[in-house]
């Protein structure tokens, strides 16, 4: 590759996403990653639907997004069976619906 000239700097290397530094160890963490990817695919599907509204390729492009979502769900379900329950799944905590008043003092 020739050296970069002052008028045309060399292109910067393409940044590749790095894998998570900590492995996924619970279903809660898996669910967070699943939601991130699902939201991105869903947004891409909406954009394709808007941009390709009058295109004959619309159904094909939407089907690719639907297939990606189905594959993601299949992978997440398979991984979930291998992971232990997260902190929020192993203990069910009932939230307080109404504040409990303090007991009244009894006067003798």
N, C-alpha and C. Protein backbone atom coordinates (compact mmCIF):
# COMPACT_ATOMS: atom_id res chain seq x y z
N UNK A 1 0.85 -1.18 0.00
CA UNK A 1 0.00 0.00 0.00
C UNK A 1 0.90 1.24 0.00
N UNK A 2 0.66 2.19 -0.90
CA UNK A 2 1.47 3.40 -0.94
C UNK A 2 1.24 4.26 0.29
N UNK A 3 2.24 5.05 0.64
CA UNK A 3 2.06 5.92 1.82
C UNK A 3 0.97 6.95 1.57
N UNK A 4 0.33 7.37 2.62
CA UNK A 4 -0.78 8.32 2.52
C UNK A 4 -0.23 9.70 2.21
N UNK A 5 -0.91 10.40 1.32
CA UNK A 5 -0.50 11.76 1.01
C UNK A 5 -1.26 12.72 1.92
N UNK A 6 -0.78 13.96 2.06
CA UNK A 6 -1.45 14.91 2.96
C UNK A 6 -2.87 15.23 2.52
N UNK A 7 -3.13 15.18 1.22
CA UNK A 7 -4.49 15.52 0.78
C UNK A 7 -5.46 14.35 0.91
N UNK A 8 -4.94 13.15 0.89
CA UNK A 8 -5.79 11.96 0.96
C UNK A 8 -5.27 11.03 2.06
N UNK A 9 -5.75 11.18 3.26
CA UNK A 9 -5.26 10.31 4.33
C UNK A 9 -5.69 8.87 4.07
N UNK A 10 -4.90 7.96 4.59
CA UNK A 10 -5.24 6.55 4.40
C UNK A 10 -6.52 6.23 5.17
N UNK A 11 -7.29 5.34 4.61
CA UNK A 11 -8.54 5.00 5.30
C UNK A 11 -8.25 4.35 6.64
N UNK A 12 -9.07 4.67 7.59
CA UNK A 12 -8.88 4.07 8.91
C UNK A 12 -9.36 2.62 8.86
N UNK A 13 -8.72 1.77 9.63
CA UNK A 13 -9.15 0.37 9.62
C UNK A 13 -10.59 0.25 10.13
N UNK A 14 -11.27 -0.71 9.58
CA UNK A 14 -12.66 -0.94 9.97
C UNK A 14 -12.69 -1.51 11.37
N UNK A 15 -13.47 -0.90 12.21
CA UNK A 15 -13.58 -1.38 13.59
C UNK A 15 -14.46 -2.61 13.63
N UNK A 16 -13.95 -3.67 14.20
CA UNK A 16 -14.74 -4.88 14.34
C UNK A 16 -15.22 -4.96 15.78
N UNK A 17 -16.46 -5.33 15.96
CA UNK A 17 -16.96 -5.41 17.33
C UNK A 17 -16.24 -6.50 18.10
N UNK A 18 -15.92 -6.20 19.33
CA UNK A 18 -15.24 -7.20 20.15
C UNK A 18 -16.28 -7.98 20.94
N UNK A 19 -16.00 -9.24 21.18
CA UNK A 19 -16.95 -10.02 21.96
C UNK A 19 -17.00 -9.51 23.40
N UNK A 20 -18.07 -9.83 24.11
CA UNK A 20 -18.14 -9.37 25.50
C UNK A 20 -16.94 -9.88 26.28
N UNK A 21 -16.39 -9.04 27.13
CA UNK A 21 -15.20 -9.43 27.87
C UNK A 21 -15.52 -10.47 28.95
N UNK A 22 -16.76 -10.49 29.38
CA UNK A 22 -17.20 -11.45 30.38
C UNK A 22 -18.21 -12.39 29.72
N UNK A 23 -18.03 -13.69 29.86
CA UNK A 23 -18.99 -14.60 29.22
C UNK A 23 -20.38 -14.49 29.87
N UNK A 24 -21.37 -14.85 29.10
CA UNK A 24 -22.75 -14.84 29.59
C UNK A 24 -22.88 -16.01 30.55
N UNK A 25 -23.28 -15.72 31.79
CA UNK A 25 -23.33 -16.78 32.79
C UNK A 25 -24.72 -17.04 33.34
N UNK A 26 -25.68 -16.16 33.10
CA UNK A 26 -27.04 -16.38 33.61
C UNK A 26 -28.06 -16.08 32.52
N UNK A 27 -29.26 -16.54 32.75
CA UNK A 27 -30.35 -16.28 31.80
C UNK A 27 -30.69 -14.79 31.74
N UNK A 28 -30.50 -14.09 32.83
CA UNK A 28 -30.77 -12.66 32.84
C UNK A 28 -29.83 -11.94 31.88
N UNK A 29 -28.56 -12.28 31.92
CA UNK A 29 -27.60 -11.68 30.99
C UNK A 29 -27.93 -12.05 29.55
N UNK A 30 -28.31 -13.31 29.34
CA UNK A 30 -28.70 -13.76 28.00
C UNK A 30 -29.90 -12.95 27.51
N UNK A 31 -30.86 -12.72 28.39
CA UNK A 31 -32.06 -11.97 28.03
C UNK A 31 -31.70 -10.53 27.62
N UNK A 32 -30.74 -9.92 28.30
CA UNK A 32 -30.32 -8.56 27.97
C UNK A 32 -29.70 -8.51 26.57
N UNK A 33 -28.83 -9.47 26.26
CA UNK A 33 -28.22 -9.53 24.93
C UNK A 33 -29.26 -9.83 23.86
N UNK A 34 -30.19 -10.73 24.18
CA UNK A 34 -31.26 -11.07 23.24
C UNK A 34 -32.09 -9.83 22.91
N UNK A 35 -32.44 -9.06 23.92
CA UNK A 35 -33.25 -7.86 23.71
C UNK A 35 -32.51 -6.84 22.84
N UNK A 36 -31.20 -6.68 23.04
CA UNK A 36 -30.41 -5.74 22.23
C UNK A 36 -30.47 -6.13 20.75
N UNK A 37 -30.24 -7.41 20.47
CA UNK A 37 -30.22 -7.87 19.08
C UNK A 37 -31.62 -7.84 18.50
N UNK A 38 -32.62 -8.25 19.28
CA UNK A 38 -34.00 -8.26 18.79
C UNK A 38 -34.47 -6.85 18.44
N UNK A 39 -34.13 -5.89 19.30
CA UNK A 39 -34.52 -4.50 19.03
C UNK A 39 -33.89 -3.99 17.73
N UNK A 40 -32.64 -4.36 17.49
CA UNK A 40 -31.96 -3.92 16.27
C UNK A 40 -32.61 -4.54 15.04
N UNK A 41 -32.91 -5.83 15.08
CA UNK A 41 -33.53 -6.49 13.93
C UNK A 41 -34.94 -5.93 13.70
N UNK A 42 -35.67 -5.67 14.76
CA UNK A 42 -37.02 -5.12 14.63
C UNK A 42 -36.98 -3.73 14.00
N UNK A 43 -36.03 -2.92 14.43
CA UNK A 43 -35.88 -1.58 13.85
C UNK A 43 -35.50 -1.66 12.37
N UNK A 44 -34.61 -2.58 12.04
CA UNK A 44 -34.21 -2.79 10.63
C UNK A 44 -35.42 -3.21 9.80
N UNK A 45 -36.27 -4.05 10.36
CA UNK A 45 -37.47 -4.49 9.65
C UNK A 45 -38.39 -3.30 9.37
N UNK A 46 -38.57 -2.44 10.38
CA UNK A 46 -39.41 -1.25 10.19
C UNK A 46 -38.85 -0.33 9.10
N UNK A 47 -37.53 -0.14 9.11
CA UNK A 47 -36.91 0.69 8.10
C UNK A 47 -37.08 0.10 6.70
N UNK A 48 -36.88 -1.19 6.58
CA UNK A 48 -37.06 -1.84 5.28
C UNK A 48 -38.50 -1.70 4.80
N UNK A 49 -39.42 -1.86 5.72
CA UNK A 49 -40.82 -1.75 5.36
C UNK A 49 -41.15 -0.35 4.84
N UNK A 50 -40.55 0.68 5.43
CA UNK A 50 -40.80 2.05 5.01
C UNK A 50 -40.09 2.38 3.69
N UNK A 51 -38.82 1.97 3.60
CA UNK A 51 -38.02 2.33 2.42
C UNK A 51 -38.44 1.53 1.19
N UNK A 52 -38.76 0.27 1.38
CA UNK A 52 -39.09 -0.60 0.25
C UNK A 52 -40.59 -0.79 0.07
N UNK A 53 -41.38 0.18 0.50
CA UNK A 53 -42.84 0.04 0.47
C UNK A 53 -43.37 -0.29 -0.93
N UNK A 54 -42.78 0.28 -1.96
CA UNK A 54 -43.27 0.05 -3.32
C UNK A 54 -42.38 -0.88 -4.12
N UNK A 55 -41.48 -1.56 -3.47
CA UNK A 55 -40.54 -2.44 -4.16
C UNK A 55 -41.09 -3.86 -4.24
N UNK A 56 -40.82 -4.53 -5.36
CA UNK A 56 -41.25 -5.93 -5.46
C UNK A 56 -40.46 -6.85 -4.53
N UNK A 57 -39.33 -6.38 -4.01
CA UNK A 57 -38.49 -7.19 -3.12
C UNK A 57 -38.88 -7.05 -1.65
N UNK A 58 -39.94 -6.30 -1.36
CA UNK A 58 -40.32 -6.03 0.02
C UNK A 58 -40.55 -7.31 0.81
N UNK A 59 -41.35 -8.24 0.27
CA UNK A 59 -41.66 -9.47 1.01
C UNK A 59 -40.41 -10.28 1.30
N UNK A 60 -39.50 -10.33 0.32
CA UNK A 60 -38.26 -11.09 0.50
C UNK A 60 -37.40 -10.46 1.60
N UNK A 61 -37.29 -9.15 1.59
CA UNK A 61 -36.46 -8.45 2.58
C UNK A 61 -37.05 -8.55 3.98
N UNK A 62 -38.38 -8.49 4.09
CA UNK A 62 -39.02 -8.63 5.40
C UNK A 62 -38.90 -10.07 5.90
N UNK A 63 -38.97 -11.02 4.98
CA UNK A 63 -38.85 -12.42 5.37
C UNK A 63 -37.45 -12.69 5.95
N UNK A 64 -36.43 -12.02 5.41
CA UNK A 64 -35.08 -12.19 5.96
C UNK A 64 -35.01 -11.70 7.40
N UNK A 65 -35.65 -10.59 7.68
CA UNK A 65 -35.69 -10.08 9.06
C UNK A 65 -36.47 -11.04 9.96
N UNK A 66 -37.58 -11.55 9.48
CA UNK A 66 -38.38 -12.49 10.26
C UNK A 66 -37.60 -13.77 10.53
N UNK A 67 -36.86 -14.25 9.51
CA UNK A 67 -36.03 -15.45 9.70
C UNK A 67 -34.92 -15.20 10.72
N UNK A 68 -34.33 -13.99 10.68
CA UNK A 68 -33.29 -13.66 11.65
C UNK A 68 -33.85 -13.64 13.07
N UNK A 69 -35.04 -13.08 13.24
CA UNK A 69 -35.67 -13.07 14.57
C UNK A 69 -35.97 -14.49 15.05
N UNK A 70 -36.46 -15.33 14.14
CA UNK A 70 -36.76 -16.72 14.50
C UNK A 70 -35.48 -17.47 14.89
N UNK A 71 -34.40 -17.24 14.15
CA UNK A 71 -33.12 -17.89 14.47
C UNK A 71 -32.59 -17.40 15.81
N UNK A 72 -32.70 -16.11 16.05
CA UNK A 72 -32.24 -15.55 17.32
C UNK A 72 -33.00 -16.17 18.49
N UNK A 73 -34.30 -16.30 18.35
CA UNK A 73 -35.11 -16.90 19.41
C UNK A 73 -34.73 -18.36 19.63
N UNK A 74 -34.50 -19.09 18.55
CA UNK A 74 -34.10 -20.49 18.65
C UNK A 74 -32.77 -20.63 19.39
N UNK A 75 -31.79 -19.79 19.04
CA UNK A 75 -30.49 -19.84 19.69
C UNK A 75 -30.61 -19.46 21.17
N UNK A 76 -31.38 -18.42 21.46
CA UNK A 76 -31.54 -17.98 22.85
C UNK A 76 -32.21 -19.06 23.70
N UNK A 77 -33.22 -19.72 23.14
CA UNK A 77 -33.90 -20.79 23.89
C UNK A 77 -32.97 -21.96 24.14
N UNK A 78 -32.13 -22.29 23.16
CA UNK A 78 -31.18 -23.39 23.35
C UNK A 78 -30.14 -23.03 24.41
N UNK A 79 -29.65 -21.81 24.38
CA UNK A 79 -28.67 -21.39 25.39
C UNK A 79 -29.28 -21.29 26.78
N UNK A 80 -30.53 -20.89 26.85
CA UNK A 80 -31.19 -20.73 28.15
C UNK A 80 -31.25 -22.05 28.91
N UNK A 81 -31.35 -23.16 28.19
CA UNK A 81 -31.41 -24.45 28.88
C UNK A 81 -30.07 -24.83 29.49
N UNK A 82 -28.99 -24.21 29.01
CA UNK A 82 -27.66 -24.52 29.53
C UNK A 82 -27.22 -23.61 30.66
N UNK A 83 -27.94 -22.51 30.87
CA UNK A 83 -27.54 -21.52 31.86
C UNK A 83 -28.40 -21.62 33.12
N UNK A 84 -27.79 -21.30 34.27
CA UNK A 84 -28.59 -21.27 35.49
C UNK A 84 -29.49 -20.04 35.50
N UNK A 85 -30.51 -20.10 36.33
CA UNK A 85 -31.41 -18.96 36.46
C UNK A 85 -30.65 -17.77 37.02
N UNK A 86 -31.06 -16.57 36.61
CA UNK A 86 -30.43 -15.36 37.12
C UNK A 86 -30.93 -15.04 38.51
N UNK A 87 -30.36 -14.03 39.11
CA UNK A 87 -30.74 -13.65 40.47
C UNK A 87 -32.22 -13.35 40.57
N UNK A 88 -32.78 -12.67 39.58
CA UNK A 88 -34.18 -12.29 39.64
C UNK A 88 -35.12 -13.45 39.34
N UNK A 89 -34.60 -14.56 38.80
CA UNK A 89 -35.45 -15.70 38.50
C UNK A 89 -35.46 -16.73 39.61
N UNK A 90 -34.40 -16.79 40.41
CA UNK A 90 -34.33 -17.82 41.44
C UNK A 90 -35.13 -17.45 42.69
N UNK A 91 -35.34 -16.16 42.92
CA UNK A 91 -36.09 -15.71 44.08
C UNK A 91 -37.22 -14.81 43.60
N UNK A 92 -38.44 -15.17 43.94
CA UNK A 92 -39.57 -14.36 43.55
C UNK A 92 -39.91 -13.45 44.73
N UNK A 93 -39.91 -12.16 44.48
CA UNK A 93 -40.18 -11.20 45.53
C UNK A 93 -41.51 -10.52 45.23
N UNK A 94 -42.42 -10.56 46.19
CA UNK A 94 -43.70 -9.88 46.04
C UNK A 94 -43.51 -8.41 46.37
N UNK A 95 -43.87 -7.57 45.43
CA UNK A 95 -43.75 -6.14 45.69
C UNK A 95 -44.95 -5.68 46.51
N UNK A 96 -44.74 -4.61 47.23
CA UNK A 96 -45.79 -4.07 48.09
C UNK A 96 -46.79 -3.29 47.24
N UNK A 97 -48.07 -3.67 47.33
CA UNK A 97 -49.09 -2.99 46.55
C UNK A 97 -49.53 -1.69 47.21
N UNK A 98 -49.70 -1.73 48.53
CA UNK A 98 -50.11 -0.56 49.29
C UNK A 98 -49.19 -0.43 50.49
N UNK A 99 -48.89 0.78 50.90
CA UNK A 99 -48.05 0.92 52.09
C UNK A 99 -48.77 0.36 53.32
N UNK A 100 -48.02 -0.34 54.12
CA UNK A 100 -48.60 -0.93 55.33
C UNK A 100 -48.49 0.09 56.45
N UNK A 101 -49.62 0.48 57.04
CA UNK A 101 -49.54 1.46 58.13
C UNK A 101 -48.92 0.83 59.38
N UNK A 102 -48.30 1.66 60.15
CA UNK A 102 -47.71 1.17 61.41
C UNK A 102 -48.85 0.85 62.36
N UNK A 103 -48.68 -0.19 63.19
CA UNK A 103 -49.75 -0.54 64.13
C UNK A 103 -49.99 0.58 65.13
N UNK A 104 -51.24 0.72 65.50
CA UNK A 104 -51.60 1.77 66.48
C UNK A 104 -51.20 1.30 67.87
N UNK A 105 -50.84 2.26 68.64
CA UNK A 105 -50.46 1.95 70.02
C UNK A 105 -51.73 1.73 70.84
N UNK A 106 -51.69 0.75 71.68
CA UNK A 106 -52.83 0.50 72.55
C UNK A 106 -52.59 1.22 73.87
N UNK A 107 -53.58 1.98 74.27
CA UNK A 107 -53.48 2.70 75.53
C UNK A 107 -54.15 1.89 76.62
N UNK A 108 -53.48 1.78 77.73
CA UNK A 108 -54.04 1.00 78.83
C UNK A 108 -54.88 1.85 79.74
